Amino acid sequence: MKYKLPRFSILLFLCSVCMPSFADRGVFDFERWDNVLNDIRTQANNQNISKSVIDETLKNPHFIPGIVKSDKNQTEFTLTLEQYLDRTVSNDRIIQGRKKHTEYPTLLHRIEQKYSVPANVILAFWGMESNYGKVKSKHQLTDAFLTLIYEGRRAEFFSKQLLALMKISDKNKLSISKIYGSWAGAMGHFQFIPTTLAQYGVDGNNDGSIDIINSVGDAMYSAANYLNKLGWNEHEKIVRKVIVPADFDRTILNGDTKKTVTDWAKMGVTNPDGSPLPQTDLMAGLITDTKELAKRDLYQPYKTDDETDADIAPAPVITAYLTYPNFYRIKKWNNSSWYAIAIAELSEKLK
């Protein structure tokens, strides 16, 4: 059976083909679009997804040129760590997080008891992912996934996401055409993609359905379950802010090299006030903003022929973070070191 692309979507596409991001695609391939839709129907039938969900998914599919443009033009991360933290760990986000703590004390307590993930950590993820539910996604996910499958760069991945979403809709009696998310397929208060939701979703409000978009309880329980399964340790810090000597080996300041905290201390790493680190065999990495550090070095004074070492001010120490096991668990949620540090900083403010 063939499926026609709606005329409105055709017009949107034709209006955009002159843009550089579509230059390599050319004229819209209707046969390819039909093949995408038919392939999804076949796979869904083979995976025993109900006819009603399949029909709703494929009833009036829309190709969305703006999503292809977003996928092709993902900008490189350019903020310094300081700029990123100023943006993400803002005073407003801290204030709103504390308000949410007073709004959901019982729910957060139950989650902490069940999953051993502290309330301030859950709130930090909630704030980072959707600003406590204020950020509303605008894309109908079926259309987003179909568009990305057609675009082809990660067709297999997005096919899995769409099929997972169809199963979620089927199992939880949710109208799939009313499920909205980001252009890349993340949804709800904690921005889960469908395969993550399928694996870690929890019915937090015990209504027989998992709905992480409209139920804060389901969303929080699912997030806590995910962190618990990642191995979250409620008794350990995420990071520790430290200073290291100016002449420290910068090649190991990327979080990849692991040593015990005691060993880092022997190498001159201290607390920001210069006091010694705790003596412990806990393994940790060490990370700093090396790009910003390199820029700083450009403005360091250098010794001229008629100057002595005493004439030149010593280079300032380097601010860095010891990164504990919970830091690397966060990176399995979002593989960004800056994101993990922001979660650490925000969760500390929300204690």
Protein backbone atom coordinates (compact mmCIF):
# COMPACT_ATOMS: atom_id res chain seq x y z
CA MET A 1 0.00 0.00 0.00
CA LYS A 2 1.34 3.46 -0.92
CA TYR A 3 1.26 6.55 1.26
CA LYS A 4 1.10 10.06 -0.13
CA LEU A 5 3.09 12.88 1.39
CA PRO A 6 0.57 15.61 2.37
CA ARG A 7 0.54 18.60 0.03
CA PHE A 8 1.39 21.01 2.83
CA SER A 9 4.56 19.05 3.58
CA ILE A 10 5.46 18.99 -0.11
CA LEU A 11 5.22 22.76 -0.24
CA LEU A 12 7.39 23.10 2.83
CA PHE A 13 9.98 20.87 1.27
CA LEU A 14 9.94 22.55 -2.14
CA CYS A 15 10.35 25.93 -0.47
CA SER A 16 13.47 24.66 1.25
CA VAL A 17 15.29 22.72 -1.46
CA CYS A 18 17.17 25.82 -2.53
CA MET A 19 18.81 25.99 0.90
CA PRO A 20 22.42 24.68 1.07
CA SER A 21 21.57 21.97 3.58
CA PHE A 22 19.36 20.26 0.99
CA ALA A 23 21.69 20.61 -1.97
CA ASP A 24 22.88 17.03 -1.74
CA ARG A 25 19.35 15.60 -1.52
CA GLY A 26 17.82 17.13 -4.63
CA VAL A 27 14.19 16.48 -5.52
CA PHE A 28 12.13 14.71 -2.90
CA ASP A 29 12.07 10.97 -3.57
CA PHE A 30 8.46 9.82 -3.19
CA GLU A 31 9.36 6.21 -3.86
CA ARG A 32 11.90 6.28 -1.06
CA TRP A 33 9.32 7.85 1.27
CA ASP A 34 6.82 5.12 0.40
CA ASN A 35 9.47 2.47 1.05
CA VAL A 36 10.17 3.96 4.49
CA LEU A 37 6.49 3.84 5.41
CA ASN A 38 5.98 0.34 4.06
CA ASP A 39 9.10 -0.93 5.82
CA ILE A 40 7.90 0.46 9.16
CA ARG A 41 4.51 -1.20 8.65
CA THR A 42 6.17 -4.54 7.89
CA GLN A 43 8.49 -4.36 10.90
CA ALA A 44 5.66 -3.28 13.20
CA ASN A 45 3.49 -6.18 12.03
CA ASN A 46 6.36 -8.59 12.58
CA GLN A 47 6.81 -7.26 16.12
CA ASN A 48 3.10 -7.72 16.91
CA ILE A 49 2.30 -4.04 17.32
CA SER A 50 -1.44 -3.51 17.15
CA LYS A 51 -3.08 -2.53 13.87
CA SER A 52 -4.62 0.53 15.51
CA VAL A 53 -1.22 1.94 16.54
CA ILE A 54 0.29 1.14 13.14
CA ASP A 55 -2.58 2.83 11.34
CA GLU A 56 -2.40 5.90 13.60
CA THR A 57 1.35 6.16 13.05
CA LEU A 58 1.09 6.00 9.28
CA LYS A 59 -2.29 7.61 8.73
CA ASN A 60 -1.10 11.09 7.80
CA PRO A 61 2.72 11.14 7.88
CA HIS A 62 4.53 14.43 7.40
CA PHE A 63 8.06 15.03 6.21
CA ILE A 64 9.58 17.94 8.15
CA PRO A 65 12.44 19.71 6.32
CA GLY A 66 13.45 21.68 9.40
CA ILE A 67 14.36 18.47 11.21
CA VAL A 68 16.73 17.43 8.41
CA LYS A 69 18.26 20.89 8.58
CA SER A 70 18.76 20.53 12.35
CA ASP A 71 20.36 17.11 11.90
CA LYS A 72 22.76 18.37 9.25
CA ASN A 73 23.74 21.54 11.08
CA GLN A 74 24.41 20.49 14.64
CA THR A 75 26.79 23.11 15.98
CA GLU A 76 30.03 22.22 17.69
CA PHE A 77 30.14 22.83 21.42
CA THR A 78 31.94 26.16 21.87
CA LEU A 79 31.16 27.40 25.39
CA THR A 80 33.89 27.41 28.00
CA LEU A 81 33.18 25.47 31.16
CA GLU A 82 32.65 28.71 33.06
CA GLN A 83 30.19 29.99 30.46
CA TYR A 84 28.36 26.66 30.43
CA LEU A 85 27.99 26.61 34.21
CA ASP A 86 26.82 30.23 34.27
CA ARG A 87 24.10 29.28 31.80
CA THR A 88 23.00 25.96 33.30
CA VAL A 89 23.49 26.49 37.04
CA SER A 90 21.74 29.84 37.12
CA ASN A 91 20.21 31.48 40.17
CA ASP A 92 16.75 31.09 38.66
CA ARG A 93 17.26 27.37 38.11
CA ILE A 94 18.44 26.95 41.68
CA ILE A 95 15.45 28.89 43.04
CA GLN A 96 12.99 26.92 40.91
CA GLY A 97 14.61 23.63 41.94
CA ARG A 98 14.19 24.45 45.61
CA LYS A 99 10.54 25.29 44.98
CA LYS A 100 10.05 21.92 43.29
CA HIS A 101 11.60 20.25 46.33
CA THR A 102 8.91 21.79 48.54
CA GLU A 103 6.22 20.98 45.97
CA TYR A 104 7.03 17.25 45.76
CA PRO A 105 8.54 16.28 49.14
CA THR A 106 6.68 12.98 49.55
CA LEU A 107 7.28 11.84 45.97
CA LEU A 108 10.99 12.65 46.15
CA HIS A 109 11.32 10.90 49.53
CA ARG A 110 9.67 7.73 48.20
CA ILE A 111 11.94 7.74 45.16
CA GLU A 112 15.03 8.17 47.32
CA GLN A 113 13.96 5.29 49.55
CA LYS A 114 13.24 2.98 46.61
CA TYR A 115 16.12 3.77 44.28
CA SER A 116 18.81 5.30 46.56
CA VAL A 117 19.06 8.38 44.37
CA PRO A 118 18.90 11.61 46.44
CA ALA A 119 16.18 14.16 45.76
CA ASN A 120 18.68 16.89 44.90
CA VAL A 121 20.18 14.71 42.17
CA ILE A 122 16.78 13.97 40.61
CA LEU A 123 15.96 17.69 40.73
CA ALA A 124 19.28 18.56 39.08
CA PHE A 125 18.57 16.26 36.14
CA TRP A 126 15.01 17.60 35.89
CA GLY A 127 16.28 21.16 35.83
CA MET A 128 18.95 20.45 33.24
CA GLU A 129 16.75 18.42 30.91
CA SER A 130 13.54 20.47 30.76
CA ASN A 131 13.88 23.32 33.26
CA TYR A 132 11.50 21.43 35.55
CA GLY A 133 9.02 20.72 32.78
CA LYS A 134 8.82 24.29 31.47
CA VAL A 135 10.48 23.46 28.15
CA LYS A 136 7.79 21.95 25.93
CA SER A 137 8.71 19.86 22.90
CA LYS A 138 7.02 20.79 19.65
CA HIS A 139 7.54 17.89 17.22
CA GLN A 140 5.13 15.02 16.76
CA LEU A 141 7.55 12.17 17.27
CA THR A 142 6.16 9.90 14.58
CA ASP A 143 6.84 12.57 11.98
CA ALA A 144 10.25 13.37 13.43
CA PHE A 145 11.36 9.74 13.29
CA LEU A 146 9.95 9.12 9.81
CA THR A 147 11.74 12.23 8.55
CA LEU A 148 15.06 11.13 10.04
CA ILE A 149 14.66 7.59 8.69
CA TYR A 150 14.10 9.04 5.21
CA GLU A 151 17.07 11.41 5.62
CA GLY A 152 19.12 8.28 6.08
CA ARG A 153 22.16 9.30 8.14
CA ARG A 154 21.07 7.12 11.08
CA ALA A 155 18.09 5.33 9.60
CA GLU A 156 18.53 2.10 11.58
CA PHE A 157 18.77 3.95 14.90
CA PHE A 158 15.67 6.05 14.28
CA SER A 159 13.72 3.03 13.00
CA LYS A 160 14.40 1.36 16.35
CA GLN A 161 13.22 4.49 18.15
CA LEU A 162 9.98 4.68 16.18
CA LEU A 163 9.18 1.02 16.68
CA ALA A 164 9.95 1.35 20.40
CA LEU A 165 7.62 4.35 20.56
CA MET A 166 4.88 2.36 18.84
CA LYS A 167 5.24 -0.43 21.41
CA ILE A 168 5.13 2.11 24.25
CA SER A 169 1.96 3.60 22.80
CA ASP A 170 0.44 0.15 22.43
CA LYS A 171 1.33 -1.06 25.91
CA ASN A 172 0.32 2.10 27.75
CA LYS A 173 -2.79 2.97 25.71
CA LEU A 174 -1.33 6.32 24.62
CA SER A 175 -2.32 8.06 21.42
CA ILE A 176 0.91 7.98 19.45
CA SER A 177 -0.07 10.97 17.33
CA LYS A 178 -0.19 13.08 20.51
CA ILE A 179 3.31 12.21 21.72
CA TYR A 180 5.62 15.16 21.18
CA GLY A 181 9.36 15.50 21.67
CA SER A 182 12.53 17.11 20.41
CA TRP A 183 13.54 16.94 16.77
CA ALA A 184 15.92 14.10 17.67
CA GLY A 185 13.28 12.11 19.56
CA ALA A 186 13.78 12.92 23.25
CA MET A 187 10.60 13.38 25.27
CA GLY A 188 9.18 14.23 28.63
CA HIS A 189 10.49 15.88 31.77
CA PHE A 190 13.81 14.03 31.59
CA GLN A 191 14.12 13.81 27.82
CA PHE A 192 14.19 10.03 27.38
CA ILE A 193 14.39 8.53 23.93
CA PRO A 194 11.92 5.67 23.36
CA THR A 195 14.40 2.79 23.75
CA THR A 196 15.56 4.20 27.09
CA LEU A 197 11.98 4.63 28.23
CA ALA A 198 11.13 1.09 27.14
CA GLN A 199 13.96 -0.27 29.28
CA TYR A 200 13.72 1.93 32.37
CA GLY A 201 10.22 3.41 32.41
CA VAL A 202 8.26 3.05 35.66
CA ASP A 203 4.60 3.63 36.48
CA GLY A 204 5.26 6.01 39.35
CA ASN A 205 1.65 7.02 40.04
CA ASN A 206 0.27 3.45 39.78
CA ASP A 207 -2.39 4.26 37.21
CA GLY A 208 -1.48 1.31 34.98
CA SER A 209 0.29 3.43 32.37
CA ILE A 210 3.77 4.93 31.96
CA ASP A 211 3.51 8.50 30.73
CA ILE A 212 6.70 10.51 31.28
CA ILE A 213 5.30 13.55 29.46
CA ASN A 214 2.15 14.20 31.47
CA SER A 215 3.00 12.50 34.78
CA VAL A 216 5.73 13.96 36.98
CA GLY A 217 5.58 10.81 39.10
CA ASP A 218 6.21 8.51 36.15
CA ALA A 219 8.99 10.79 34.93
CA MET A 220 10.78 10.98 38.29
CA TYR A 221 10.47 7.27 39.02
CA SER A 222 11.79 6.43 35.55
CA ALA A 223 14.76 8.79 35.91
CA ALA A 224 15.63 7.39 39.34
CA ASN A 225 15.31 3.82 38.07
CA TYR A 226 17.66 4.61 35.20
CA LEU A 227 20.28 6.15 37.51
CA ASN A 228 19.92 3.24 39.91
CA LYS A 229 20.52 0.74 37.11
CA LEU A 230 23.59 2.75 36.08
CA GLY A 231 24.94 2.02 39.56
CA TRP A 232 24.38 5.35 41.31
CA ASN A 233 26.11 5.52 44.71
CA GLU A 234 24.27 7.85 47.07
CA HIS A 235 27.22 7.91 49.47
CA GLU A 236 29.74 9.31 46.99
CA LYS A 237 30.24 12.81 45.64
CA ILE A 238 30.10 13.42 41.90
CA VAL A 239 33.09 15.73 41.67
CA ARG A 240 35.41 17.63 43.99
CA LYS A 241 36.72 21.04 42.98
CA VAL A 242 40.49 21.17 43.42
CA ILE A 243 43.61 23.04 42.36
CA VAL A 244 46.72 21.60 40.75
CA PRO A 245 50.17 23.12 40.29
CA ALA A 246 50.68 25.37 37.26
CA ASP A 247 53.30 22.99 35.84
CA PHE A 248 51.02 19.94 36.13
CA ASP A 249 50.98 17.45 33.24
CA ARG A 250 48.02 18.72 31.25
CA THR A 251 47.74 15.65 29.07
CA ILE A 252 46.06 13.84 31.96
CA LEU A 253 43.56 16.60 32.75
CA ASN A 254 40.81 15.12 30.56
CA GLY A 255 39.11 12.75 33.00
CA ASP A 256 40.41 9.62 31.26
CA THR A 257 43.37 8.93 33.54
CA LYS A 258 42.20 7.30 36.80
CA LYS A 259 44.15 7.29 40.05
CA THR A 260 43.26 7.03 43.71
CA VAL A 261 42.57 10.31 45.47
CA THR A 262 45.62 9.62 47.63
CA ASP A 263 47.80 9.32 44.52
CA TRP A 264 46.45 12.58 43.11
CA ALA A 265 47.30 14.25 46.41
CA LYS A 266 50.89 13.00 46.15
CA MET A 267 51.08 14.75 42.76
CA GLY A 268 50.24 18.10 44.34
CA VAL A 269 46.45 18.21 43.96
CA THR A 270 44.79 19.99 46.89
CA ASN A 271 41.50 21.50 47.94
CA PRO A 272 40.90 25.05 46.64
CA ASP A 273 42.02 26.53 49.97
CA GLY A 274 45.27 24.57 49.82
CA SER A 275 44.29 22.02 52.45
CA PRO A 276 45.11 18.37 51.74
CA LEU A 277 42.70 16.00 50.06
CA PRO A 278 41.19 13.15 52.10
CA GLN A 279 43.31 10.01 52.13
CA THR A 280 41.24 7.42 50.27
CA ASP A 281 41.67 4.70 47.69
CA LEU A 282 38.57 5.86 45.81
CA MET A 283 39.40 6.07 42.11
CA ALA A 284 38.94 9.40 40.36
CA GLY A 285 39.81 11.20 37.17
CA LEU A 286 40.95 14.80 36.92
CA ILE A 287 39.50 17.27 34.43
CA THR A 288 39.75 20.96 33.55
CA ASP A 289 38.95 23.24 30.65
CA THR A 290 42.21 22.70 28.77
CA LYS A 291 41.19 24.92 25.84
CA GLU A 292 40.53 27.84 28.13
CA LEU A 293 43.75 27.06 29.95
CA ALA A 294 45.67 27.29 26.67
CA LYS A 295 44.14 30.71 26.01
CA ARG A 296 45.19 31.85 29.46
CA ASP A 297 48.76 30.81 28.74
CA LEU A 298 48.89 33.14 25.76
CA TYR A 299 48.62 36.09 28.09
CA GLN A 300 51.16 34.89 30.64
CA PRO A 301 54.17 37.26 30.94
CA TYR A 302 57.46 35.82 29.74
CA LYS A 303 60.98 36.62 30.84
CA THR A 304 63.06 39.01 28.71
CA ASP A 305 66.83 38.96 28.53
CA ASP A 306 67.24 41.58 31.25
CA GLU A 307 64.76 40.01 33.70
CA THR A 308 65.23 37.34 36.33
CA ASP A 309 62.73 34.72 37.49
CA ALA A 310 61.95 36.95 40.47
CA ASP A 311 60.72 39.66 38.11
CA ILE A 312 58.01 37.42 36.67
CA ALA A 313 54.90 36.56 38.68
CA PRO A 314 54.41 32.82 39.00
CA ALA A 315 51.76 31.26 36.80
CA PRO A 316 48.47 30.84 38.64
CA VAL A 317 47.43 27.41 39.80
CA ILE A 318 44.96 25.42 37.69
CA THR A 319 41.39 24.91 38.87
CA ALA A 320 40.15 21.40 38.09
CA TYR A 321 37.70 18.74 39.21
CA LEU A 322 38.31 15.29 40.63
CA THR A 323 35.73 13.11 38.90
CA TYR A 324 34.35 10.24 40.96
CA PRO A 325 32.46 7.13 39.70
CA ASN A 326 29.07 8.92 39.77
CA PHE A 327 30.50 11.43 37.27
CA TYR A 328 31.03 8.64 34.75
CA ARG A 329 27.54 7.28 35.43
CA ILE A 330 26.14 10.67 34.46
CA LYS A 331 28.14 10.49 31.23
CA LYS A 332 26.24 7.33 30.32
CA TRP A 333 23.12 9.49 30.46
CA ASN A 334 24.72 12.36 28.54
CA ASN A 335 28.27 11.93 27.25
CA SER A 336 29.38 15.47 28.07
CA SER A 337 31.86 16.25 30.82
CA TRP A 338 30.48 19.80 31.11
CA TYR A 339 26.96 18.37 31.56
CA ALA A 340 28.15 16.02 34.31
CA ILE A 341 29.92 18.86 36.15
CA ALA A 342 26.78 21.00 35.83
CA ILE A 343 24.68 18.21 37.36
CA ALA A 344 27.19 18.02 40.21
CA GLU A 345 27.17 21.77 40.81
CA LEU A 346 23.39 22.12 40.55
CA SER A 347 22.70 19.13 42.81
CA GLU A 348 24.99 20.64 45.48
CA LYS A 349 23.00 23.88 45.34
CA LEU A 350 19.75 21.94 45.75
CA LYS A 351 20.69 20.04 48.89
